[in-house]
Amino acid sequence: MSTLDHPSVAKVAAALSEADQEAAAQGIRLLPEDARTAELAAAALGIEVGAIANSLVFRATLPDGTDRALLALTSGAHRANTTTLAELIGADAVGRGDPEFVKTSTGQAIGGVAPVGHPQRILTLVDTALASYDVVWAAAGHPKSVYPTTFDYLLAATGGTAADVAAEPGQPR
């Protein structure tokens, strides 16, 4: 089975098609090696690292004590600030999801988590830094698969909210 035939990649392609993003679905590309980091993906594609949309899954603890998955689509040029993420969604705390939490929440493994194709819609923040690129690349459900998209398409496909995810806590976003 090729990577493009992988069940997670197929789910991503189907989700993109359902979101009227057929060009993105058709643009899924197989990389020669795993690209589990923004730097590796950017190098494989020959682009700036900032044009990589990292799919970071966090465990958000809400005021009622429940945990919820939070997907932050972050420019590869910087890191998300977890305190800021918590402020943005009204959570008591936000921390990185462990591999089991990520897999349960998304149906995908760390290193290949796509913005779409999950068992259910995930609360999503889309880094405003991605808006400065005409094309951004996101994982397509497997560490060797990526697809081209745009900031606006990421917002539309995920139902996400635009946010400055790297901002210092308490700063205007």
N, C-alpha and C. Protein backbone atom coordinates (compact mmCIF):
# COMPACT_ATOMS: atom_id res chain seq x y z
N MET A 1 0.86 -1.18 0.00
CA MET A 1 0.00 0.00 0.00
C MET A 1 0.89 1.23 0.00
N SER A 2 0.64 2.16 -0.91
CA SER A 2 1.40 3.41 -0.91
C SER A 2 0.83 4.33 0.17
N THR A 3 1.61 5.34 0.53
CA THR A 3 1.16 6.30 1.54
C THR A 3 -0.13 6.97 1.11
N LEU A 4 -0.28 7.25 -0.18
CA LEU A 4 -1.49 7.90 -0.66
C LEU A 4 -2.72 7.02 -0.52
N ASP A 5 -2.51 5.71 -0.35
CA ASP A 5 -3.62 4.77 -0.14
C ASP A 5 -3.90 4.55 1.35
N HIS A 6 -3.10 5.16 2.21
CA HIS A 6 -3.24 4.99 3.65
C HIS A 6 -4.64 5.46 4.08
N PRO A 7 -5.30 4.74 4.99
CA PRO A 7 -6.66 5.12 5.40
C PRO A 7 -6.78 6.56 5.93
N SER A 8 -5.79 7.02 6.69
CA SER A 8 -5.85 8.39 7.22
C SER A 8 -5.76 9.42 6.10
N VAL A 9 -4.92 9.15 5.11
CA VAL A 9 -4.78 10.07 3.98
C VAL A 9 -6.08 10.08 3.17
N ALA A 10 -6.68 8.93 3.00
CA ALA A 10 -7.96 8.85 2.28
C ALA A 10 -9.04 9.64 3.01
N LYS A 11 -9.05 9.59 4.34
CA LYS A 11 -10.03 10.37 5.11
C LYS A 11 -9.79 11.86 4.93
N VAL A 12 -8.52 12.27 4.90
CA VAL A 12 -8.20 13.68 4.69
C VAL A 12 -8.67 14.12 3.31
N ALA A 13 -8.37 13.33 2.30
CA ALA A 13 -8.80 13.66 0.93
C ALA A 13 -10.32 13.78 0.85
N ALA A 14 -11.02 12.86 1.49
CA ALA A 14 -12.49 12.90 1.48
C ALA A 14 -13.00 14.14 2.22
N ALA A 15 -12.39 14.47 3.35
CA ALA A 15 -12.81 15.65 4.11
C ALA A 15 -12.57 16.93 3.31
N LEU A 16 -11.45 16.99 2.61
CA LEU A 16 -11.17 18.17 1.77
C LEU A 16 -12.20 18.27 0.64
N SER A 17 -12.51 17.16 0.03
CA SER A 17 -13.51 17.16 -1.05
C SER A 17 -14.87 17.60 -0.52
N GLU A 18 -15.24 17.10 0.65
CA GLU A 18 -16.52 17.47 1.26
C GLU A 18 -16.57 18.95 1.60
N ALA A 19 -15.40 19.56 1.85
CA ALA A 19 -15.32 20.99 2.18
C ALA A 19 -15.16 21.83 0.91
N ASP A 20 -15.45 21.25 -0.25
CA ASP A 20 -15.31 21.94 -1.54
C ASP A 20 -13.89 22.43 -1.79
N GLN A 21 -12.93 21.63 -1.35
CA GLN A 21 -11.52 21.93 -1.57
C GLN A 21 -10.88 20.81 -2.38
N GLU A 22 -11.48 20.56 -3.53
CA GLU A 22 -11.05 19.46 -4.39
C GLU A 22 -9.61 19.64 -4.86
N ALA A 23 -9.20 20.89 -5.13
CA ALA A 23 -7.82 21.12 -5.57
C ALA A 23 -6.83 20.70 -4.49
N ALA A 24 -7.16 20.98 -3.24
CA ALA A 24 -6.29 20.56 -2.13
C ALA A 24 -6.25 19.04 -2.05
N ALA A 25 -7.40 18.40 -2.19
CA ALA A 25 -7.46 16.94 -2.14
C ALA A 25 -6.63 16.33 -3.26
N GLN A 26 -6.73 16.91 -4.45
CA GLN A 26 -5.96 16.42 -5.59
C GLN A 26 -4.47 16.75 -5.47
N GLY A 27 -4.15 17.75 -4.62
CA GLY A 27 -2.77 18.18 -4.46
C GLY A 27 -1.99 17.43 -3.40
N ILE A 28 -2.61 16.43 -2.77
CA ILE A 28 -1.88 15.65 -1.76
C ILE A 28 -0.64 15.06 -2.41
N ARG A 29 0.47 15.27 -1.73
CA ARG A 29 1.77 14.87 -2.27
C ARG A 29 2.48 13.92 -1.31
N LEU A 30 3.12 12.95 -1.87
CA LEU A 30 3.93 12.00 -1.12
C LEU A 30 5.36 12.50 -1.09
N LEU A 31 5.92 12.68 0.10
CA LEU A 31 7.31 13.11 0.26
C LEU A 31 8.21 11.88 0.30
N PRO A 32 9.48 12.03 -0.06
CA PRO A 32 10.38 10.88 -0.08
C PRO A 32 10.68 10.32 1.32
N GLU A 33 10.63 11.15 2.34
CA GLU A 33 10.92 10.74 3.72
C GLU A 33 9.86 11.30 4.64
N ASP A 34 9.76 10.73 5.85
CA ASP A 34 8.86 11.29 6.86
C ASP A 34 9.24 12.75 7.10
N ALA A 35 8.23 13.58 7.30
CA ALA A 35 8.46 14.99 7.60
C ALA A 35 7.69 15.31 8.88
N ARG A 36 8.18 14.82 9.99
CA ARG A 36 7.49 14.97 11.27
C ARG A 36 7.69 16.34 11.91
N THR A 37 8.51 17.19 11.29
CA THR A 37 8.70 18.55 11.80
C THR A 37 8.50 19.54 10.66
N ALA A 38 8.22 20.79 11.02
CA ALA A 38 8.06 21.83 10.00
C ALA A 38 9.34 22.00 9.20
N GLU A 39 10.48 21.90 9.86
CA GLU A 39 11.76 22.07 9.17
C GLU A 39 11.96 20.99 8.11
N LEU A 40 11.65 19.75 8.46
CA LEU A 40 11.80 18.65 7.51
C LEU A 40 10.84 18.80 6.33
N ALA A 41 9.60 19.18 6.62
CA ALA A 41 8.62 19.36 5.55
C ALA A 41 9.03 20.50 4.63
N ALA A 42 9.45 21.62 5.21
CA ALA A 42 9.88 22.77 4.40
C ALA A 42 11.06 22.41 3.52
N ALA A 43 12.03 21.69 4.08
CA ALA A 43 13.20 21.28 3.29
C ALA A 43 12.79 20.37 2.15
N ALA A 44 11.89 19.44 2.41
CA ALA A 44 11.45 18.50 1.36
C ALA A 44 10.70 19.22 0.24
N LEU A 45 9.98 20.29 0.60
CA LEU A 45 9.18 21.02 -0.39
C LEU A 45 9.95 22.19 -1.01
N GLY A 46 11.09 22.56 -0.42
CA GLY A 46 11.86 23.69 -0.91
C GLY A 46 11.18 25.03 -0.67
N ILE A 47 10.55 25.16 0.51
CA ILE A 47 9.83 26.39 0.84
C ILE A 47 10.29 26.92 2.20
N GLU A 48 9.82 28.13 2.55
CA GLU A 48 10.10 28.70 3.86
C GLU A 48 9.37 27.90 4.94
N VAL A 49 10.01 27.74 6.08
CA VAL A 49 9.41 26.97 7.17
C VAL A 49 8.11 27.63 7.67
N GLY A 50 8.00 28.94 7.54
CA GLY A 50 6.79 29.63 7.97
C GLY A 50 5.56 29.26 7.17
N ALA A 51 5.74 28.70 5.96
CA ALA A 51 4.61 28.30 5.12
C ALA A 51 4.12 26.89 5.42
N ILE A 52 4.67 26.29 6.46
CA ILE A 52 4.19 24.99 6.93
C ILE A 52 3.16 25.22 8.03
N ALA A 53 2.00 24.63 7.89
CA ALA A 53 0.96 24.72 8.92
C ALA A 53 1.11 23.50 9.83
N ASN A 54 1.77 23.69 10.96
CA ASN A 54 1.90 22.61 11.94
C ASN A 54 0.53 22.34 12.56
N SER A 55 0.17 21.08 12.66
CA SER A 55 -1.07 20.69 13.34
C SER A 55 -0.69 20.20 14.73
N LEU A 56 -0.87 21.06 15.71
CA LEU A 56 -0.50 20.73 17.08
C LEU A 56 -1.76 20.46 17.89
N VAL A 57 -1.81 19.28 18.50
CA VAL A 57 -2.98 18.91 19.29
C VAL A 57 -2.65 19.07 20.77
N PHE A 58 -3.48 19.86 21.44
CA PHE A 58 -3.31 20.14 22.86
C PHE A 58 -4.49 19.57 23.64
N ARG A 59 -4.24 19.31 24.91
CA ARG A 59 -5.29 18.93 25.84
C ARG A 59 -5.66 20.19 26.63
N ALA A 60 -6.88 20.65 26.43
CA ALA A 60 -7.35 21.86 27.11
C ALA A 60 -8.23 21.44 28.28
N THR A 61 -7.90 21.94 29.47
CA THR A 61 -8.71 21.67 30.65
C THR A 61 -9.65 22.86 30.85
N LEU A 62 -10.93 22.58 30.75
CA LEU A 62 -11.95 23.62 30.82
C LEU A 62 -12.32 23.92 32.27
N PRO A 63 -12.96 25.06 32.50
CA PRO A 63 -13.32 25.43 33.87
C PRO A 63 -14.19 24.39 34.60
N ASP A 64 -14.95 23.58 33.86
CA ASP A 64 -15.78 22.55 34.51
C ASP A 64 -14.99 21.28 34.83
N GLY A 65 -13.67 21.30 34.54
CA GLY A 65 -12.81 20.17 34.85
C GLY A 65 -12.67 19.14 33.73
N THR A 66 -13.42 19.30 32.65
CA THR A 66 -13.32 18.35 31.54
C THR A 66 -12.15 18.72 30.64
N ASP A 67 -11.65 17.72 29.94
CA ASP A 67 -10.59 17.94 28.97
C ASP A 67 -11.18 17.89 27.57
N ARG A 68 -10.62 18.71 26.71
CA ARG A 68 -11.07 18.79 25.33
C ARG A 68 -9.86 18.94 24.43
N ALA A 69 -9.93 18.36 23.24
CA ALA A 69 -8.84 18.53 22.27
C ALA A 69 -8.91 19.93 21.67
N LEU A 70 -7.75 20.53 21.49
CA LEU A 70 -7.59 21.81 20.82
C LEU A 70 -6.56 21.62 19.73
N LEU A 71 -6.91 21.95 18.51
CA LEU A 71 -5.99 21.89 17.39
C LEU A 71 -5.52 23.31 17.09
N ALA A 72 -4.21 23.53 17.18
CA ALA A 72 -3.63 24.83 16.81
C ALA A 72 -2.85 24.62 15.52
N LEU A 73 -3.30 25.27 14.46
CA LEU A 73 -2.60 25.23 13.18
C LEU A 73 -1.64 26.41 13.20
N THR A 74 -0.39 26.11 13.46
CA THR A 74 0.63 27.10 13.75
C THR A 74 1.66 27.18 12.63
N SER A 75 2.06 28.40 12.29
CA SER A 75 3.14 28.56 11.32
C SER A 75 4.39 27.86 11.84
N GLY A 76 5.09 27.17 10.96
CA GLY A 76 6.32 26.50 11.34
C GLY A 76 7.42 27.45 11.78
N ALA A 77 7.20 28.76 11.60
CA ALA A 77 8.22 29.75 11.95
C ALA A 77 8.28 30.05 13.44
N HIS A 78 7.29 29.63 14.20
CA HIS A 78 7.30 29.89 15.65
C HIS A 78 6.48 28.86 16.41
N ARG A 79 6.50 28.99 17.71
CA ARG A 79 5.77 28.07 18.58
C ARG A 79 4.49 28.72 19.09
N ALA A 80 3.51 27.88 19.39
CA ALA A 80 2.29 28.36 20.01
C ALA A 80 2.56 28.60 21.50
N ASN A 81 1.96 29.63 22.04
CA ASN A 81 2.09 29.94 23.46
C ASN A 81 0.89 29.32 24.18
N THR A 82 1.14 28.33 25.02
CA THR A 82 0.02 27.60 25.64
C THR A 82 -0.81 28.47 26.58
N THR A 83 -0.19 29.44 27.22
CA THR A 83 -0.97 30.35 28.08
C THR A 83 -1.91 31.19 27.23
N THR A 84 -1.43 31.65 26.10
CA THR A 84 -2.26 32.41 25.18
C THR A 84 -3.39 31.54 24.63
N LEU A 85 -3.06 30.30 24.27
CA LEU A 85 -4.10 29.39 23.78
C LEU A 85 -5.21 29.23 24.82
N ALA A 86 -4.81 29.05 26.07
CA ALA A 86 -5.81 28.90 27.14
C ALA A 86 -6.68 30.15 27.24
N GLU A 87 -6.07 31.33 27.18
CA GLU A 87 -6.84 32.58 27.22
C GLU A 87 -7.81 32.66 26.06
N LEU A 88 -7.36 32.30 24.87
CA LEU A 88 -8.18 32.41 23.67
C LEU A 88 -9.44 31.55 23.73
N ILE A 89 -9.36 30.39 24.37
CA ILE A 89 -10.53 29.49 24.40
C ILE A 89 -11.21 29.43 25.76
N GLY A 90 -10.70 30.20 26.72
CA GLY A 90 -11.32 30.21 28.05
C GLY A 90 -11.05 28.96 28.85
N ALA A 91 -9.90 28.34 28.64
CA ALA A 91 -9.53 27.13 29.38
C ALA A 91 -8.71 27.48 30.61
N ASP A 92 -8.75 26.61 31.59
CA ASP A 92 -7.91 26.80 32.78
C ASP A 92 -6.45 26.51 32.45
N ALA A 93 -6.21 25.54 31.58
CA ALA A 93 -4.85 25.17 31.22
C ALA A 93 -4.87 24.49 29.86
N VAL A 94 -3.74 24.59 29.16
CA VAL A 94 -3.55 23.92 27.88
C VAL A 94 -2.17 23.30 27.89
N GLY A 95 -2.09 22.02 27.57
CA GLY A 95 -0.80 21.32 27.48
C GLY A 95 -0.79 20.40 26.28
N ARG A 96 0.40 20.04 25.82
CA ARG A 96 0.53 19.17 24.66
C ARG A 96 -0.16 17.84 24.92
N GLY A 97 -0.85 17.36 23.91
CA GLY A 97 -1.48 16.05 23.99
C GLY A 97 -0.45 14.95 23.82
N ASP A 98 -0.56 13.89 24.61
CA ASP A 98 0.35 12.76 24.44
C ASP A 98 -0.09 11.95 23.21
N PRO A 99 0.75 11.03 22.74
CA PRO A 99 0.42 10.29 21.50
C PRO A 99 -0.95 9.60 21.54
N GLU A 100 -1.32 9.02 22.67
CA GLU A 100 -2.62 8.35 22.75
C GLU A 100 -3.77 9.35 22.64
N PHE A 101 -3.66 10.50 23.33
CA PHE A 101 -4.70 11.53 23.26
C PHE A 101 -4.83 12.05 21.83
N VAL A 102 -3.70 12.29 21.16
CA VAL A 102 -3.71 12.79 19.79
C VAL A 102 -4.39 11.78 18.87
N LYS A 103 -4.01 10.51 18.99
CA LYS A 103 -4.57 9.47 18.13
C LYS A 103 -6.08 9.31 18.38
N THR A 104 -6.49 9.34 19.64
CA THR A 104 -7.91 9.22 19.97
C THR A 104 -8.70 10.42 19.44
N SER A 105 -8.13 11.61 19.56
CA SER A 105 -8.83 12.83 19.16
C SER A 105 -8.91 13.02 17.65
N THR A 106 -7.86 12.60 16.94
CA THR A 106 -7.78 12.89 15.51
C THR A 106 -7.88 11.66 14.61
N GLY A 107 -7.59 10.48 15.17
CA GLY A 107 -7.51 9.29 14.35
C GLY A 107 -6.20 9.22 13.58
N GLN A 108 -5.27 10.14 13.88
CA GLN A 108 -4.00 10.24 13.16
C GLN A 108 -2.86 10.28 14.18
N ALA A 109 -1.68 9.87 13.73
CA ALA A 109 -0.52 9.83 14.61
C ALA A 109 0.24 11.16 14.57
N ILE A 110 0.88 11.48 15.68
CA ILE A 110 1.73 12.67 15.75
C ILE A 110 2.74 12.62 14.60
N GLY A 111 2.94 13.75 13.97
CA GLY A 111 3.86 13.83 12.83
C GLY A 111 3.14 13.82 11.50
N GLY A 112 1.87 13.42 11.52
CA GLY A 112 1.09 13.40 10.29
C GLY A 112 -0.31 13.94 10.47
N VAL A 113 -0.58 14.57 11.61
CA VAL A 113 -1.93 15.06 11.90
C VAL A 113 -2.32 16.16 10.90
N ALA A 114 -3.41 15.95 10.24
CA ALA A 114 -3.94 16.91 9.27
C ALA A 114 -4.93 17.85 9.96
N PRO A 115 -5.21 18.98 9.33
CA PRO A 115 -6.23 19.88 9.88
C PRO A 115 -7.64 19.29 9.82
N VAL A 116 -7.86 18.30 8.96
CA VAL A 116 -9.19 17.71 8.74
C VAL A 116 -9.09 16.19 8.72
N GLY A 117 -10.25 15.54 8.61
CA GLY A 117 -10.28 14.08 8.50
C GLY A 117 -10.34 13.38 9.84
N HIS A 118 -10.78 14.09 10.87
CA HIS A 118 -10.85 13.54 12.22
C HIS A 118 -12.21 12.89 12.46
N PRO A 119 -12.32 12.04 13.47
CA PRO A 119 -13.61 11.40 13.76
C PRO A 119 -14.72 12.41 14.06
N GLN A 120 -14.37 13.54 14.63
CA GLN A 120 -15.33 14.61 14.89
C GLN A 120 -14.60 15.94 14.80
N ARG A 121 -15.35 17.01 14.60
CA ARG A 121 -14.74 18.34 14.48
C ARG A 121 -14.05 18.69 15.79
N ILE A 122 -12.87 19.27 15.67
CA ILE A 122 -12.06 19.65 16.83
C ILE A 122 -12.01 21.18 16.91
N LEU A 123 -12.12 21.71 18.11
CA LEU A 123 -11.93 23.13 18.34
C LEU A 123 -10.58 23.52 17.75
N THR A 124 -10.56 24.49 16.83
CA THR A 124 -9.35 24.81 16.08
C THR A 124 -9.05 26.30 16.05
N LEU A 125 -7.78 26.63 16.28
CA LEU A 125 -7.27 27.99 16.12
C LEU A 125 -6.28 27.96 14.96
N VAL A 126 -6.40 28.94 14.05
CA VAL A 126 -5.53 29.00 12.88
C VAL A 126 -4.65 30.24 13.03
N ASP A 127 -3.36 30.03 13.05
CA ASP A 127 -2.36 31.07 13.25
C ASP A 127 -2.46 32.13 12.15
N THR A 128 -2.65 33.38 12.56
CA THR A 128 -2.74 34.48 11.60
C THR A 128 -1.45 34.67 10.80
N ALA A 129 -0.33 34.19 11.31
CA ALA A 129 0.94 34.29 10.57
C ALA A 129 0.87 33.54 9.24
N LEU A 130 0.01 32.53 9.14
CA LEU A 130 -0.13 31.77 7.90
C LEU A 130 -0.77 32.59 6.79
N ALA A 131 -1.47 33.66 7.15
CA ALA A 131 -2.14 34.50 6.15
C ALA A 131 -1.15 35.24 5.26
N SER A 132 0.09 35.35 5.67
CA SER A 132 1.08 36.07 4.87
C SER A 132 1.65 35.23 3.72
N TYR A 133 1.24 33.99 3.61
CA TYR A 133 1.71 33.10 2.53
C TYR A 133 0.56 32.83 1.56
N ASP A 134 0.87 32.90 0.27
CA ASP A 134 -0.14 32.58 -0.75
C ASP A 134 -0.54 31.11 -0.68
N VAL A 135 0.43 30.24 -0.41
CA VAL A 135 0.19 28.80 -0.27
C VAL A 135 0.86 28.34 1.00
N VAL A 136 0.13 27.57 1.79
CA VAL A 136 0.72 26.91 2.95
C VAL A 136 0.53 25.41 2.76
N TRP A 137 1.39 24.65 3.40
CA TRP A 137 1.35 23.20 3.28
C TRP A 137 1.03 22.60 4.63
N ALA A 138 0.13 21.64 4.63
CA ALA A 138 -0.31 20.97 5.86
C ALA A 138 -0.14 19.46 5.70
N ALA A 139 0.01 18.78 6.82
CA ALA A 139 0.08 17.32 6.81
C ALA A 139 -1.25 16.77 6.30
N ALA A 140 -1.16 15.60 5.67
CA ALA A 140 -2.35 14.99 5.07
C ALA A 140 -2.69 13.64 5.70
N GLY A 141 -2.41 13.49 7.01
CA GLY A 141 -2.82 12.28 7.71
C GLY A 141 -1.74 11.23 7.88
N HIS A 142 -0.55 11.49 7.34
CA HIS A 142 0.57 10.56 7.42
C HIS A 142 1.85 11.38 7.37
N PRO A 143 2.92 10.98 8.07
CA PRO A 143 4.15 11.77 8.11
C PRO A 143 4.83 12.01 6.75
N LYS A 144 4.47 11.27 5.73
CA LYS A 144 5.05 11.48 4.40
C LYS A 144 4.10 12.22 3.46
N SER A 145 2.93 12.60 3.91
CA SER A 145 1.94 13.21 3.02
C SER A 145 1.61 14.63 3.45
N VAL A 146 1.56 15.52 2.46
CA VAL A 146 1.21 16.93 2.67
C VAL A 146 0.28 17.38 1.56
N TYR A 147 -0.38 18.52 1.79
CA TYR A 147 -1.21 19.09 0.74
C TYR A 147 -1.13 20.61 0.77
N PRO A 148 -1.32 21.25 -0.39
CA PRO A 148 -1.30 22.71 -0.45
C PRO A 148 -2.67 23.28 -0.13
N THR A 149 -2.65 24.41 0.57
CA THR A 149 -3.90 25.06 0.93
C THR A 149 -3.60 26.54 1.16
N THR A 150 -4.55 27.24 1.73
CA THR A 150 -4.36 28.65 2.07
C THR A 150 -4.90 28.89 3.48
N PHE A 151 -4.54 30.02 4.03
CA PHE A 151 -5.06 30.42 5.34
C PHE A 151 -6.59 30.41 5.34
N ASP A 152 -7.19 31.03 4.33
CA ASP A 152 -8.66 31.10 4.26
C ASP A 152 -9.28 29.71 4.14
N TYR A 153 -8.67 28.84 3.36
CA TYR A 153 -9.19 27.48 3.23
C TYR A 153 -9.05 26.69 4.52
N LEU A 154 -7.96 26.93 5.26
CA LEU A 154 -7.82 26.26 6.56
C LEU A 154 -8.95 26.68 7.50
N LEU A 155 -9.25 27.97 7.51
CA LEU A 155 -10.36 28.45 8.34
C LEU A 155 -11.67 27.80 7.93
N ALA A 156 -11.93 27.77 6.62
CA ALA A 156 -13.19 27.22 6.12
C ALA A 156 -13.31 25.72 6.37
N ALA A 157 -12.25 24.98 6.09
CA ALA A 157 -12.31 23.52 6.21
C ALA A 157 -12.43 23.06 7.65
N THR A 158 -11.81 23.79 8.58
CA THR A 158 -11.81 23.37 9.98
C THR A 158 -12.91 24.03 10.81
N GLY A 159 -13.51 25.10 10.29
CA GLY A 159 -14.43 25.88 11.11
C GLY A 159 -13.68 26.59 12.21
N GLY A 160 -12.37 26.81 11.98
CA GLY A 160 -11.49 27.38 12.99
C GLY A 160 -11.63 28.89 13.15
N THR A 161 -10.91 29.39 14.13
CA THR A 161 -10.87 30.81 14.45
C THR A 161 -9.46 31.32 14.21
N ALA A 162 -9.35 32.45 13.52
CA ALA A 162 -8.05 33.08 13.31
C ALA A 162 -7.54 33.64 14.63
N ALA A 163 -6.26 33.40 14.93
CA ALA A 163 -5.69 33.88 16.20
C ALA A 163 -4.18 34.00 16.08
N ASP A 164 -3.62 34.93 16.84
CA ASP A 164 -2.17 35.04 16.97
C ASP A 164 -1.77 34.09 18.07
N VAL A 165 -1.48 32.86 17.70
CA VAL A 165 -1.23 31.81 18.68
C VAL A 165 0.13 31.89 19.36
N ALA A 166 1.01 32.74 18.85
CA ALA A 166 2.33 32.89 19.43
C ALA A 166 2.43 34.12 20.33
N ALA A 167 1.37 34.88 20.42
CA ALA A 167 1.38 36.12 21.19
C ALA A 167 1.68 35.86 22.67
N GLU A 168 2.28 36.83 23.29
CA GLU A 168 2.49 36.75 24.74
C GLU A 168 1.14 36.89 25.43
N PRO A 169 0.95 36.22 26.56
CA PRO A 169 -0.34 36.30 27.27
C PRO A 169 -0.70 37.75 27.57
N GLY A 170 -1.99 38.05 27.42
CA GLY A 170 -2.51 39.36 27.75
C GLY A 170 -2.28 40.42 26.68
N GLN A 171 -1.60 40.07 25.59
CA GLN A 171 -1.35 41.03 24.50
C GLN A 171 -2.52 40.99 23.52
N PRO A 172 -2.75 42.10 22.82
CA PRO A 172 -3.80 42.10 21.79
C PRO A 172 -3.49 41.06 20.72
N ARG A 173 -4.54 40.38 20.26
CA ARG A 173 -4.37 39.36 19.24
C ARG A 173 -5.25 39.70 18.07
